[in-house]
Amino acid sequence: MIDVRRSADRYRGGEPDSGIDTRHAFSFGPHYDPDNLRFGALIACNEERLAPGAGFAEHPHSHTEIVTWVAEGELTHRDSAGHATVVRPGDLQRLGSASGVRHEERNDGREPLVFVQMWLVPPEPGGEPSYEVVRGPGDGSAYRLPGTGALLHVLRPAAGERVALPAAPAVYVHVVRGEARLAGEDLGPGDSARITGGEAPELTGVSPHRAEILVWEMGG
């Protein structure tokens, strides 16, 4: 089964007056939807747009794996475990909040910042917080999220290029930029698809320039 969700259907959030524009794919904060709480281990897929100087002040997380993909601009990250990092376009950041950690995220640059942040629930709570940045994973690369069994695939199909998606109990597709076709449906930036039943459909690039697509491969 393939369930396509459009960018326009995302829940609007953030603080526009403070330069923060957020689009939620799942039930989040005041946008409570009991039928859209999670998909596989994924409980959030937020598109974030931060104006220069805007950011999220220090706040806590626990028992959540937080994976961030920067599309444009530069993301400044600081956390209570002592990490201070600048994450750039095409970089992947992971914060394992485990038993508890505090962090802040800011746009300290001169250009707008656009990133996708995805939250996953680990099989077991607790443990020590962890952090890493993967610089520029290449097309077709796969990142295994520690302790969850989930894999994040980075796809950049050119126009007409076909890519077989994983045959897994739960597959989540998010289009960062460009366009692609899946099961007869054209997907554009911000669109997503939730695939169940162990299907392995093909995704085809449509854009004149390469698309950029994130694909989570998860258990049911």
N, C-alpha and C. Protein backbone atom coordinates (compact mmCIF):
# COMPACT_ATOMS: atom_id res chain seq x y z
N MET A 1 0.84 -1.20 0.00
CA MET A 1 0.00 0.00 0.00
C MET A 1 0.87 1.25 0.00
N ILE A 2 0.52 2.23 -0.81
CA ILE A 2 1.26 3.49 -0.89
C ILE A 2 0.31 4.64 -0.56
N ASP A 3 0.64 5.37 0.48
CA ASP A 3 -0.17 6.49 0.94
C ASP A 3 0.61 7.78 0.71
N VAL A 4 0.19 8.58 -0.28
CA VAL A 4 0.88 9.82 -0.62
C VAL A 4 0.31 10.97 0.20
N ARG A 5 1.18 11.75 0.80
CA ARG A 5 0.78 12.94 1.57
C ARG A 5 1.42 14.18 0.92
N ARG A 6 0.63 15.21 0.70
CA ARG A 6 1.11 16.40 0.00
C ARG A 6 1.66 17.45 0.97
N SER A 7 2.60 18.22 0.45
CA SER A 7 3.20 19.29 1.24
C SER A 7 2.16 20.25 1.79
N ALA A 8 1.14 20.55 0.98
CA ALA A 8 0.11 21.51 1.39
C ALA A 8 -0.74 21.00 2.55
N ASP A 9 -0.69 19.69 2.80
CA ASP A 9 -1.49 19.11 3.88
C ASP A 9 -0.76 19.10 5.22
N ARG A 10 0.49 19.53 5.24
CA ARG A 10 1.24 19.54 6.50
C ARG A 10 0.63 20.55 7.48
N TYR A 11 0.81 20.28 8.78
CA TYR A 11 0.35 21.19 9.81
C TYR A 11 1.32 22.37 9.89
N ARG A 12 0.80 23.60 9.89
CA ARG A 12 1.65 24.78 10.00
C ARG A 12 1.97 25.04 11.46
N GLY A 13 3.24 25.36 11.72
CA GLY A 13 3.65 25.64 13.09
C GLY A 13 4.78 26.65 13.11
N GLY A 14 5.56 26.61 14.19
CA GLY A 14 6.66 27.54 14.35
C GLY A 14 6.22 28.85 14.95
N GLU A 15 7.05 29.88 14.78
CA GLU A 15 6.77 31.23 15.28
C GLU A 15 7.12 32.21 14.16
N PRO A 16 6.18 32.42 13.23
CA PRO A 16 6.47 33.30 12.07
C PRO A 16 7.00 34.67 12.46
N ASP A 17 6.49 35.25 13.55
CA ASP A 17 6.96 36.58 13.96
C ASP A 17 8.41 36.56 14.42
N SER A 18 8.91 35.37 14.77
CA SER A 18 10.30 35.23 15.20
C SER A 18 11.19 34.67 14.10
N GLY A 19 10.64 34.52 12.90
CA GLY A 19 11.43 34.03 11.78
C GLY A 19 11.51 32.52 11.68
N ILE A 20 10.55 31.82 12.32
CA ILE A 20 10.55 30.35 12.30
C ILE A 20 9.26 29.86 11.65
N ASP A 21 9.40 29.13 10.55
CA ASP A 21 8.26 28.56 9.83
C ASP A 21 8.43 27.05 9.80
N THR A 22 7.48 26.32 10.41
CA THR A 22 7.57 24.87 10.53
C THR A 22 6.38 24.22 9.84
N ARG A 23 6.64 23.10 9.14
CA ARG A 23 5.58 22.30 8.52
C ARG A 23 5.70 20.87 9.05
N HIS A 24 4.68 20.41 9.78
CA HIS A 24 4.71 19.09 10.42
C HIS A 24 4.00 18.04 9.57
N ALA A 25 4.62 16.89 9.41
CA ALA A 25 3.99 15.79 8.68
C ALA A 25 3.15 14.91 9.60
N PHE A 26 3.44 14.95 10.91
CA PHE A 26 2.73 14.11 11.88
C PHE A 26 2.10 14.99 12.96
N SER A 27 1.20 14.39 13.71
CA SER A 27 0.60 15.04 14.87
C SER A 27 1.71 15.63 15.72
N PHE A 28 1.58 16.92 16.07
CA PHE A 28 2.69 17.59 16.75
C PHE A 28 2.14 18.78 17.54
N GLY A 29 2.47 18.82 18.83
CA GLY A 29 2.07 19.96 19.66
C GLY A 29 0.57 20.19 19.61
N PRO A 30 0.14 21.41 19.30
CA PRO A 30 -1.30 21.71 19.28
C PRO A 30 -2.03 21.04 18.12
N HIS A 31 -1.29 20.53 17.14
CA HIS A 31 -1.92 19.87 15.98
C HIS A 31 -2.06 18.38 16.29
N TYR A 32 -2.98 18.05 17.18
CA TYR A 32 -3.15 16.66 17.61
C TYR A 32 -4.06 15.92 16.64
N ASP A 33 -3.55 14.82 16.11
CA ASP A 33 -4.32 13.97 15.20
C ASP A 33 -4.10 12.52 15.62
N PRO A 34 -5.05 11.89 16.29
CA PRO A 34 -4.85 10.52 16.79
C PRO A 34 -4.62 9.51 15.69
N ASP A 35 -4.98 9.84 14.44
CA ASP A 35 -4.77 8.92 13.32
C ASP A 35 -3.46 9.16 12.60
N ASN A 36 -2.66 10.09 13.12
CA ASN A 36 -1.40 10.42 12.44
C ASN A 36 -0.29 10.64 13.47
N LEU A 37 -0.15 9.69 14.40
CA LEU A 37 0.82 9.84 15.47
C LEU A 37 2.22 9.37 15.07
N ARG A 38 2.29 8.34 14.22
CA ARG A 38 3.59 7.78 13.86
C ARG A 38 3.46 6.90 12.63
N PHE A 39 4.61 6.57 12.05
CA PHE A 39 4.68 5.60 10.96
C PHE A 39 5.96 4.81 11.17
N GLY A 40 5.83 3.51 11.47
CA GLY A 40 7.00 2.75 11.89
C GLY A 40 7.57 3.38 13.14
N ALA A 41 8.87 3.62 13.15
CA ALA A 41 9.51 4.27 14.30
C ALA A 41 9.48 5.78 14.20
N LEU A 42 8.99 6.31 13.09
CA LEU A 42 9.03 7.75 12.82
C LEU A 42 7.85 8.45 13.49
N ILE A 43 8.13 9.47 14.31
CA ILE A 43 7.06 10.21 14.98
C ILE A 43 7.04 11.69 14.59
N ALA A 44 8.04 12.14 13.82
CA ALA A 44 8.05 13.52 13.35
C ALA A 44 8.89 13.61 12.08
N CYS A 45 8.42 14.43 11.16
CA CYS A 45 9.21 14.82 9.99
C CYS A 45 8.86 16.28 9.73
N ASN A 46 9.67 17.16 10.28
CA ASN A 46 9.38 18.59 10.27
C ASN A 46 10.25 19.31 9.24
N GLU A 47 9.62 20.10 8.40
CA GLU A 47 10.36 21.00 7.53
C GLU A 47 10.50 22.33 8.27
N GLU A 48 11.73 22.76 8.47
CA GLU A 48 12.00 23.98 9.23
C GLU A 48 12.65 25.03 8.33
N ARG A 49 12.16 26.25 8.44
CA ARG A 49 12.73 27.40 7.73
C ARG A 49 13.01 28.49 8.76
N LEU A 50 14.28 28.84 8.91
CA LEU A 50 14.70 29.84 9.90
C LEU A 50 15.34 31.02 9.19
N ALA A 51 14.84 32.20 9.48
CA ALA A 51 15.43 33.42 8.95
C ALA A 51 16.78 33.66 9.63
N PRO A 52 17.66 34.45 9.01
CA PRO A 52 18.93 34.77 9.68
C PRO A 52 18.70 35.33 11.08
N GLY A 53 19.42 34.77 12.04
CA GLY A 53 19.29 35.21 13.42
C GLY A 53 18.24 34.49 14.22
N ALA A 54 17.37 33.72 13.56
CA ALA A 54 16.30 33.01 14.26
C ALA A 54 16.80 31.66 14.77
N GLY A 55 16.07 31.10 15.73
CA GLY A 55 16.48 29.79 16.23
C GLY A 55 15.60 29.30 17.36
N PHE A 56 15.86 28.07 17.75
CA PHE A 56 15.17 27.44 18.87
C PHE A 56 16.08 27.53 20.10
N ALA A 57 15.62 28.19 21.14
CA ALA A 57 16.40 28.31 22.37
C ALA A 57 16.59 26.92 22.99
N GLU A 58 17.52 26.84 23.91
CA GLU A 58 17.84 25.54 24.53
C GLU A 58 16.58 24.89 25.10
N HIS A 59 16.40 23.62 24.78
CA HIS A 59 15.22 22.88 25.24
C HIS A 59 15.60 21.41 25.39
N PRO A 60 14.83 20.64 26.18
CA PRO A 60 15.20 19.25 26.47
C PRO A 60 14.58 18.25 25.51
N HIS A 61 15.25 17.10 25.38
CA HIS A 61 14.71 15.92 24.68
C HIS A 61 15.12 14.69 25.48
N SER A 62 14.35 13.63 25.34
CA SER A 62 14.74 12.34 25.93
C SER A 62 14.07 11.22 25.14
N HIS A 63 14.73 10.05 25.15
CA HIS A 63 14.20 8.83 24.54
C HIS A 63 13.78 9.03 23.08
N THR A 64 14.55 9.81 22.35
CA THR A 64 14.25 10.08 20.94
C THR A 64 15.54 10.19 20.16
N GLU A 65 15.56 9.61 18.96
CA GLU A 65 16.66 9.81 18.03
C GLU A 65 16.26 10.94 17.08
N ILE A 66 17.06 11.98 17.00
CA ILE A 66 16.74 13.16 16.21
C ILE A 66 17.74 13.26 15.06
N VAL A 67 17.23 13.11 13.84
CA VAL A 67 18.08 13.13 12.65
C VAL A 67 17.73 14.37 11.83
N THR A 68 18.74 15.16 11.49
CA THR A 68 18.53 16.43 10.80
C THR A 68 19.28 16.43 9.48
N TRP A 69 18.59 16.88 8.42
CA TRP A 69 19.19 17.00 7.09
C TRP A 69 19.10 18.46 6.66
N VAL A 70 20.25 19.09 6.43
CA VAL A 70 20.27 20.49 6.04
C VAL A 70 20.17 20.59 4.51
N ALA A 71 19.19 21.38 4.05
CA ALA A 71 18.99 21.57 2.61
C ALA A 71 19.61 22.87 2.12
N GLU A 72 19.49 23.95 2.91
CA GLU A 72 20.03 25.25 2.53
C GLU A 72 20.52 25.98 3.78
N GLY A 73 21.55 26.77 3.64
CA GLY A 73 22.05 27.56 4.75
C GLY A 73 22.92 26.75 5.69
N GLU A 74 23.10 27.25 6.90
CA GLU A 74 23.95 26.61 7.90
C GLU A 74 23.22 26.54 9.24
N LEU A 75 23.23 25.36 9.84
CA LEU A 75 22.58 25.13 11.13
C LEU A 75 23.65 25.08 12.22
N THR A 76 23.52 25.95 13.22
CA THR A 76 24.41 25.92 14.37
C THR A 76 23.76 25.11 15.49
N HIS A 77 24.46 24.08 15.94
CA HIS A 77 23.95 23.19 16.99
C HIS A 77 24.85 23.29 18.22
N ARG A 78 24.22 23.40 19.39
CA ARG A 78 24.95 23.32 20.66
C ARG A 78 24.12 22.47 21.61
N ASP A 79 24.79 21.64 22.43
CA ASP A 79 24.03 20.83 23.37
C ASP A 79 24.73 20.74 24.71
N SER A 80 23.99 20.19 25.69
CA SER A 80 24.49 20.14 27.06
C SER A 80 25.59 19.11 27.25
N ALA A 81 25.85 18.28 26.22
CA ALA A 81 26.96 17.33 26.29
C ALA A 81 28.26 17.95 25.78
N GLY A 82 28.20 19.23 25.39
CA GLY A 82 29.42 19.93 25.01
C GLY A 82 29.69 20.02 23.52
N HIS A 83 28.76 19.56 22.69
CA HIS A 83 28.96 19.63 21.25
C HIS A 83 28.56 21.00 20.71
N ALA A 84 29.37 21.55 19.83
CA ALA A 84 29.08 22.80 19.14
C ALA A 84 29.50 22.62 17.69
N THR A 85 28.51 22.60 16.78
CA THR A 85 28.77 22.21 15.40
C THR A 85 28.01 23.10 14.45
N VAL A 86 28.57 23.32 13.26
CA VAL A 86 27.87 23.95 12.15
C VAL A 86 27.60 22.87 11.11
N VAL A 87 26.33 22.67 10.79
CA VAL A 87 25.92 21.62 9.86
C VAL A 87 25.50 22.30 8.56
N ARG A 88 26.05 21.82 7.44
CA ARG A 88 25.87 22.49 6.15
C ARG A 88 25.04 21.65 5.18
N PRO A 89 24.64 22.22 4.04
CA PRO A 89 23.80 21.49 3.09
C PRO A 89 24.40 20.14 2.69
N GLY A 90 23.55 19.13 2.71
CA GLY A 90 23.99 17.78 2.37
C GLY A 90 24.60 17.03 3.53
N ASP A 91 24.66 17.65 4.72
CA ASP A 91 25.17 16.98 5.92
C ASP A 91 24.01 16.36 6.70
N LEU A 92 24.32 15.27 7.38
CA LEU A 92 23.35 14.59 8.23
C LEU A 92 23.84 14.69 9.67
N GLN A 93 22.95 15.11 10.56
CA GLN A 93 23.26 15.21 11.98
C GLN A 93 22.36 14.28 12.77
N ARG A 94 22.95 13.60 13.76
CA ARG A 94 22.14 12.74 14.64
C ARG A 94 22.41 13.10 16.09
N LEU A 95 21.33 13.30 16.83
CA LEU A 95 21.40 13.51 18.28
C LEU A 95 20.57 12.41 18.94
N GLY A 96 21.24 11.52 19.65
CA GLY A 96 20.54 10.50 20.42
C GLY A 96 20.30 11.04 21.82
N SER A 97 19.06 11.43 22.12
CA SER A 97 18.81 12.11 23.39
C SER A 97 18.81 11.17 24.58
N ALA A 98 18.54 9.87 24.35
CA ALA A 98 18.62 8.84 25.39
C ALA A 98 17.92 9.28 26.67
N SER A 99 18.64 9.22 27.82
CA SER A 99 18.01 9.53 29.10
C SER A 99 17.79 11.02 29.31
N GLY A 100 18.33 11.85 28.40
CA GLY A 100 18.05 13.27 28.50
C GLY A 100 19.22 14.14 28.06
N VAL A 101 18.93 15.15 27.23
CA VAL A 101 19.93 16.10 26.80
C VAL A 101 19.20 17.40 26.43
N ARG A 102 19.91 18.50 26.52
CA ARG A 102 19.36 19.79 26.12
C ARG A 102 20.16 20.30 24.93
N HIS A 103 19.47 20.96 23.99
CA HIS A 103 20.19 21.52 22.84
C HIS A 103 19.51 22.76 22.33
N GLU A 104 20.25 23.53 21.54
CA GLU A 104 19.69 24.68 20.83
C GLU A 104 20.09 24.60 19.37
N GLU A 105 19.24 25.17 18.52
CA GLU A 105 19.47 25.15 17.08
C GLU A 105 19.21 26.56 16.56
N ARG A 106 20.20 27.10 15.79
CA ARG A 106 20.08 28.48 15.37
C ARG A 106 20.57 28.67 13.93
N ASN A 107 20.08 29.73 13.32
CA ASN A 107 20.63 30.18 12.05
C ASN A 107 21.49 31.40 12.35
N ASP A 108 22.78 31.17 12.52
CA ASP A 108 23.71 32.26 12.80
C ASP A 108 24.32 32.83 11.52
N GLY A 109 23.86 32.32 10.37
CA GLY A 109 24.39 32.79 9.10
C GLY A 109 23.61 33.97 8.54
N ARG A 110 24.00 34.39 7.33
CA ARG A 110 23.37 35.54 6.69
C ARG A 110 22.27 35.14 5.72
N GLU A 111 22.17 33.85 5.43
CA GLU A 111 21.19 33.36 4.47
C GLU A 111 20.10 32.56 5.18
N PRO A 112 18.91 32.44 4.59
CA PRO A 112 17.87 31.59 5.19
C PRO A 112 18.36 30.16 5.36
N LEU A 113 17.87 29.51 6.40
CA LEU A 113 18.22 28.13 6.71
C LEU A 113 17.00 27.25 6.48
N VAL A 114 17.18 26.15 5.76
CA VAL A 114 16.11 25.18 5.53
C VAL A 114 16.64 23.80 5.89
N PHE A 115 15.93 23.11 6.78
CA PHE A 115 16.35 21.75 7.11
C PHE A 115 15.13 20.88 7.40
N VAL A 116 15.35 19.58 7.30
CA VAL A 116 14.33 18.58 7.61
C VAL A 116 14.77 17.87 8.88
N GLN A 117 13.90 17.84 9.87
CA GLN A 117 14.24 17.15 11.11
C GLN A 117 13.25 16.02 11.36
N MET A 118 13.83 14.83 11.60
CA MET A 118 13.04 13.61 11.76
C MET A 118 13.31 12.98 13.12
N TRP A 119 12.25 12.63 13.83
CA TRP A 119 12.36 12.03 15.14
C TRP A 119 11.92 10.57 15.07
N LEU A 120 12.72 9.69 15.67
CA LEU A 120 12.38 8.28 15.71
C LEU A 120 12.46 7.78 17.14
N VAL A 121 11.61 6.81 17.45
CA VAL A 121 11.58 6.23 18.79
C VAL A 121 12.48 5.00 18.83
N PRO A 122 13.47 4.95 19.71
CA PRO A 122 14.32 3.76 19.82
C PRO A 122 13.56 2.62 20.48
N PRO A 123 13.96 1.37 20.23
CA PRO A 123 13.27 0.22 20.84
C PRO A 123 13.33 0.23 22.36
N GLU A 124 14.45 0.72 22.92
CA GLU A 124 14.62 0.73 24.37
C GLU A 124 14.92 2.15 24.84
N PRO A 125 14.27 2.62 25.91
CA PRO A 125 14.56 3.97 26.44
C PRO A 125 15.85 3.96 27.25
N GLY A 126 16.30 5.16 27.61
CA GLY A 126 17.45 5.29 28.49
C GLY A 126 18.77 5.29 27.74
N GLY A 127 19.85 5.11 28.50
CA GLY A 127 21.19 5.13 27.93
C GLY A 127 21.81 6.50 28.00
N GLU A 128 23.02 6.61 27.42
CA GLU A 128 23.75 7.87 27.42
C GLU A 128 23.52 8.62 26.10
N PRO A 129 23.37 9.93 26.17
CA PRO A 129 23.21 10.70 24.93
C PRO A 129 24.41 10.52 24.00
N SER A 130 24.17 10.64 22.70
CA SER A 130 25.24 10.50 21.71
C SER A 130 24.99 11.49 20.58
N TYR A 131 26.07 11.76 19.82
CA TYR A 131 25.97 12.79 18.79
C TYR A 131 26.98 12.49 17.69
N GLU A 132 26.58 12.76 16.44
CA GLU A 132 27.53 12.67 15.33
C GLU A 132 27.01 13.45 14.14
N VAL A 133 27.94 13.83 13.26
CA VAL A 133 27.62 14.48 12.00
C VAL A 133 28.28 13.68 10.88
N VAL A 134 27.50 13.34 9.85
CA VAL A 134 28.03 12.68 8.67
C VAL A 134 28.09 13.73 7.57
N ARG A 135 29.28 14.04 7.12
CA ARG A 135 29.45 15.10 6.14
C ARG A 135 29.22 14.58 4.71
N GLY A 136 28.22 15.13 4.07
CA GLY A 136 27.99 14.89 2.65
C GLY A 136 27.85 13.45 2.21
N PRO A 137 26.95 12.65 2.81
CA PRO A 137 26.77 11.29 2.31
C PRO A 137 26.36 11.30 0.83
N GLY A 138 26.94 10.39 0.06
CA GLY A 138 26.75 10.40 -1.39
C GLY A 138 25.44 9.80 -1.83
N ASP A 139 25.15 9.95 -3.12
CA ASP A 139 23.94 9.40 -3.71
C ASP A 139 23.92 7.88 -3.53
N GLY A 140 22.79 7.37 -3.07
CA GLY A 140 22.64 5.95 -2.87
C GLY A 140 23.21 5.43 -1.56
N SER A 141 23.77 6.32 -0.74
CA SER A 141 24.33 5.88 0.53
C SER A 141 23.21 5.59 1.53
N ALA A 142 23.54 4.77 2.52
CA ALA A 142 22.57 4.41 3.55
C ALA A 142 23.20 4.60 4.93
N TYR A 143 22.47 5.26 5.82
CA TYR A 143 22.93 5.50 7.17
C TYR A 143 22.10 4.67 8.13
N ARG A 144 22.77 3.80 8.89
CA ARG A 144 22.05 2.96 9.86
C ARG A 144 21.95 3.70 11.19
N LEU A 145 20.75 3.95 11.62
CA LEU A 145 20.53 4.66 12.86
C LEU A 145 20.82 3.74 14.04
N PRO A 146 21.80 4.05 14.87
CA PRO A 146 22.20 3.15 15.94
C PRO A 146 21.05 2.76 16.86
N GLY A 147 20.96 1.49 17.16
CA GLY A 147 20.01 1.01 18.15
C GLY A 147 18.57 0.91 17.71
N THR A 148 18.27 1.22 16.44
CA THR A 148 16.88 1.19 16.00
C THR A 148 16.62 0.20 14.87
N GLY A 149 17.65 -0.16 14.11
CA GLY A 149 17.45 -1.01 12.94
C GLY A 149 16.97 -0.25 11.72
N ALA A 150 16.72 1.06 11.87
CA ALA A 150 16.25 1.87 10.75
C ALA A 150 17.42 2.32 9.88
N LEU A 151 17.17 2.39 8.57
CA LEU A 151 18.17 2.85 7.62
C LEU A 151 17.64 4.09 6.90
N LEU A 152 18.49 5.10 6.75
CA LEU A 152 18.13 6.28 5.98
C LEU A 152 18.91 6.27 4.68
N HIS A 153 18.19 6.20 3.56
CA HIS A 153 18.81 6.20 2.24
C HIS A 153 18.74 7.61 1.66
N VAL A 154 19.82 8.03 1.03
CA VAL A 154 19.88 9.32 0.35
C VAL A 154 19.87 9.06 -1.15
N LEU A 155 18.84 9.52 -1.84
CA LEU A 155 18.69 9.29 -3.27
C LEU A 155 18.71 10.62 -4.02
N ARG A 156 19.42 10.64 -5.14
CA ARG A 156 19.46 11.82 -6.00
C ARG A 156 19.26 11.40 -7.46
N PRO A 157 18.07 10.95 -7.81
CA PRO A 157 17.85 10.46 -9.18
C PRO A 157 17.80 11.59 -10.20
N ALA A 158 18.43 11.36 -11.35
CA ALA A 158 18.33 12.29 -12.48
C ALA A 158 17.03 12.01 -13.23
N ALA A 159 16.68 12.88 -14.15
CA ALA A 159 15.47 12.70 -14.95
C ALA A 159 15.53 11.36 -15.70
N GLY A 160 14.47 10.55 -15.52
CA GLY A 160 14.39 9.26 -16.18
C GLY A 160 15.09 8.13 -15.45
N GLU A 161 15.87 8.45 -14.43
CA GLU A 161 16.59 7.40 -13.68
C GLU A 161 15.63 6.69 -12.73
N ARG A 162 15.69 5.36 -12.75
CA ARG A 162 14.83 4.55 -11.90
C ARG A 162 15.61 3.99 -10.72
N VAL A 163 14.99 4.05 -9.55
CA VAL A 163 15.62 3.53 -8.34
C VAL A 163 14.61 2.65 -7.62
N ALA A 164 14.99 1.42 -7.29
CA ALA A 164 14.11 0.52 -6.54
C ALA A 164 14.16 0.88 -5.06
N LEU A 165 13.01 1.09 -4.47
CA LEU A 165 12.93 1.38 -3.04
C LEU A 165 13.04 0.09 -2.24
N PRO A 166 13.42 0.17 -0.97
CA PRO A 166 13.58 -1.05 -0.16
C PRO A 166 12.27 -1.81 0.00
N ALA A 167 12.36 -3.12 0.05
CA ALA A 167 11.21 -3.97 0.36
C ALA A 167 11.23 -4.22 1.86
N ALA A 168 10.59 -3.34 2.61
CA ALA A 168 10.60 -3.41 4.07
C ALA A 168 9.17 -3.25 4.58
N PRO A 169 8.92 -3.64 5.84
CA PRO A 169 7.56 -3.48 6.38
C PRO A 169 7.05 -2.05 6.35
N ALA A 170 7.96 -1.07 6.54
CA ALA A 170 7.56 0.34 6.53
C ALA A 170 8.64 1.15 5.83
N VAL A 171 8.26 1.88 4.79
CA VAL A 171 9.19 2.74 4.05
C VAL A 171 8.57 4.13 3.96
N TYR A 172 9.34 5.14 4.36
CA TYR A 172 8.87 6.53 4.33
C TYR A 172 9.73 7.32 3.36
N VAL A 173 9.08 7.98 2.40
CA VAL A 173 9.76 8.75 1.36
C VAL A 173 9.47 10.23 1.57
N HIS A 174 10.51 11.05 1.61
CA HIS A 174 10.33 12.50 1.73
C HIS A 174 11.15 13.19 0.64
N VAL A 175 10.49 14.03 -0.15
CA VAL A 175 11.17 14.77 -1.21
C VAL A 175 11.68 16.10 -0.65
N VAL A 176 13.00 16.26 -0.67
CA VAL A 176 13.61 17.51 -0.20
C VAL A 176 13.59 18.56 -1.30
N ARG A 177 14.00 18.17 -2.50
CA ARG A 177 14.02 19.10 -3.63
C ARG A 177 13.82 18.32 -4.92
N GLY A 178 13.36 19.00 -5.96
CA GLY A 178 13.13 18.35 -7.24
C GLY A 178 11.83 17.58 -7.28
N GLU A 179 11.69 16.73 -8.29
CA GLU A 179 10.46 15.96 -8.47
C GLU A 179 10.79 14.52 -8.83
N ALA A 180 9.88 13.63 -8.46
CA ALA A 180 10.02 12.22 -8.77
C ALA A 180 8.64 11.61 -8.95
N ARG A 181 8.58 10.47 -9.59
CA ARG A 181 7.31 9.78 -9.82
C ARG A 181 7.33 8.44 -9.09
N LEU A 182 6.26 8.17 -8.37
CA LEU A 182 6.14 6.93 -7.60
C LEU A 182 4.74 6.38 -7.79
N ALA A 183 4.65 5.17 -8.33
CA ALA A 183 3.35 4.51 -8.53
C ALA A 183 2.36 5.41 -9.26
N GLY A 184 2.84 6.10 -10.29
CA GLY A 184 1.97 6.96 -11.08
C GLY A 184 1.69 8.32 -10.49
N GLU A 185 2.22 8.60 -9.31
CA GLU A 185 2.02 9.89 -8.65
C GLU A 185 3.29 10.73 -8.76
N ASP A 186 3.14 12.00 -9.15
CA ASP A 186 4.27 12.92 -9.17
C ASP A 186 4.42 13.54 -7.79
N LEU A 187 5.63 13.47 -7.24
CA LEU A 187 5.94 14.01 -5.92
C LEU A 187 6.87 15.20 -6.07
N GLY A 188 6.55 16.28 -5.39
CA GLY A 188 7.38 17.47 -5.41
C GLY A 188 7.93 17.79 -4.04
N PRO A 189 8.64 18.91 -3.89
CA PRO A 189 9.24 19.26 -2.60
C PRO A 189 8.22 19.29 -1.46
N GLY A 190 8.56 18.61 -0.37
CA GLY A 190 7.68 18.54 0.78
C GLY A 190 6.67 17.42 0.74
N ASP A 191 6.48 16.80 -0.43
CA ASP A 191 5.57 15.66 -0.51
C ASP A 191 6.23 14.42 0.09
N SER A 192 5.40 13.47 0.53
CA SER A 192 5.92 12.25 1.12
C SER A 192 5.04 11.08 0.75
N ALA A 193 5.55 9.88 0.98
CA ALA A 193 4.78 8.65 0.75
C ALA A 193 5.11 7.65 1.84
N ARG A 194 4.07 6.97 2.30
CA ARG A 194 4.21 5.93 3.32
C ARG A 194 3.87 4.60 2.66
N ILE A 195 4.82 3.69 2.66
CA ILE A 195 4.68 2.43 1.94
C ILE A 195 4.72 1.27 2.93
N THR A 196 3.73 0.41 2.86
CA THR A 196 3.66 -0.76 3.75
C THR A 196 3.45 -2.02 2.93
N GLY A 197 3.60 -3.16 3.60
CA GLY A 197 3.31 -4.44 2.95
C GLY A 197 4.51 -5.07 2.27
N GLY A 198 5.71 -4.52 2.49
CA GLY A 198 6.90 -5.12 1.90
C GLY A 198 7.02 -4.89 0.41
N GLU A 199 6.29 -3.91 -0.13
CA GLU A 199 6.41 -3.59 -1.55
C GLU A 199 7.78 -2.98 -1.84
N ALA A 200 8.23 -3.12 -3.08
CA ALA A 200 9.48 -2.51 -3.51
C ALA A 200 9.24 -1.77 -4.82
N PRO A 201 8.43 -0.70 -4.79
CA PRO A 201 8.14 0.02 -6.04
C PRO A 201 9.35 0.80 -6.52
N GLU A 202 9.32 1.19 -7.78
CA GLU A 202 10.39 2.01 -8.34
C GLU A 202 10.04 3.49 -8.23
N LEU A 203 11.05 4.27 -7.96
CA LEU A 203 10.92 5.72 -7.95
C LEU A 203 11.72 6.24 -9.14
N THR A 204 11.13 7.15 -9.90
CA THR A 204 11.77 7.66 -11.11
C THR A 204 11.97 9.16 -11.01
N GLY A 205 13.18 9.60 -11.30
CA GLY A 205 13.46 11.03 -11.31
C GLY A 205 12.72 11.72 -12.44
N VAL A 206 12.26 12.94 -12.19
CA VAL A 206 11.50 13.71 -13.17
C VAL A 206 12.17 15.05 -13.46
N SER A 207 12.80 15.65 -12.47
CA SER A 207 13.36 16.99 -12.60
C SER A 207 14.50 17.04 -13.62
N PRO A 208 14.64 18.18 -14.33
CA PRO A 208 15.79 18.36 -15.20
C PRO A 208 17.11 18.25 -14.43
N HIS A 209 17.09 18.75 -13.20
CA HIS A 209 18.24 18.60 -12.31
C HIS A 209 17.93 17.48 -11.32
N ARG A 210 18.95 16.90 -10.77
CA ARG A 210 18.76 15.78 -9.85
C ARG A 210 17.87 16.17 -8.66
N ALA A 211 16.97 15.27 -8.31
CA ALA A 211 16.15 15.46 -7.11
C ALA A 211 16.99 15.08 -5.89
N GLU A 212 16.47 15.40 -4.72
CA GLU A 212 17.09 14.95 -3.46
C GLU A 212 15.98 14.38 -2.59
N ILE A 213 16.12 13.09 -2.27
CA ILE A 213 15.03 12.37 -1.61
C ILE A 213 15.59 11.56 -0.45
N LEU A 214 14.92 11.64 0.69
CA LEU A 214 15.27 10.86 1.87
C LEU A 214 14.29 9.71 2.02
N VAL A 215 14.81 8.51 2.23
CA VAL A 215 13.97 7.32 2.33
C VAL A 215 14.33 6.54 3.60
N TRP A 216 13.35 6.42 4.50
CA TRP A 216 13.55 5.61 5.70
C TRP A 216 13.08 4.19 5.45
N GLU A 217 13.93 3.24 5.78
CA GLU A 217 13.59 1.81 5.72
C GLU A 217 13.49 1.32 7.15
N MET A 218 12.30 0.84 7.55
CA MET A 218 12.05 0.50 8.95
C MET A 218 11.27 -0.80 9.08
N GLY A 219 11.30 -1.35 10.28
CA GLY A 219 10.43 -2.47 10.60
C GLY A 219 9.00 -1.96 10.77
N GLY A 220 8.06 -2.86 10.95
CA GLY A 220 6.66 -2.45 11.05
C GLY A 220 6.35 -1.78 12.37
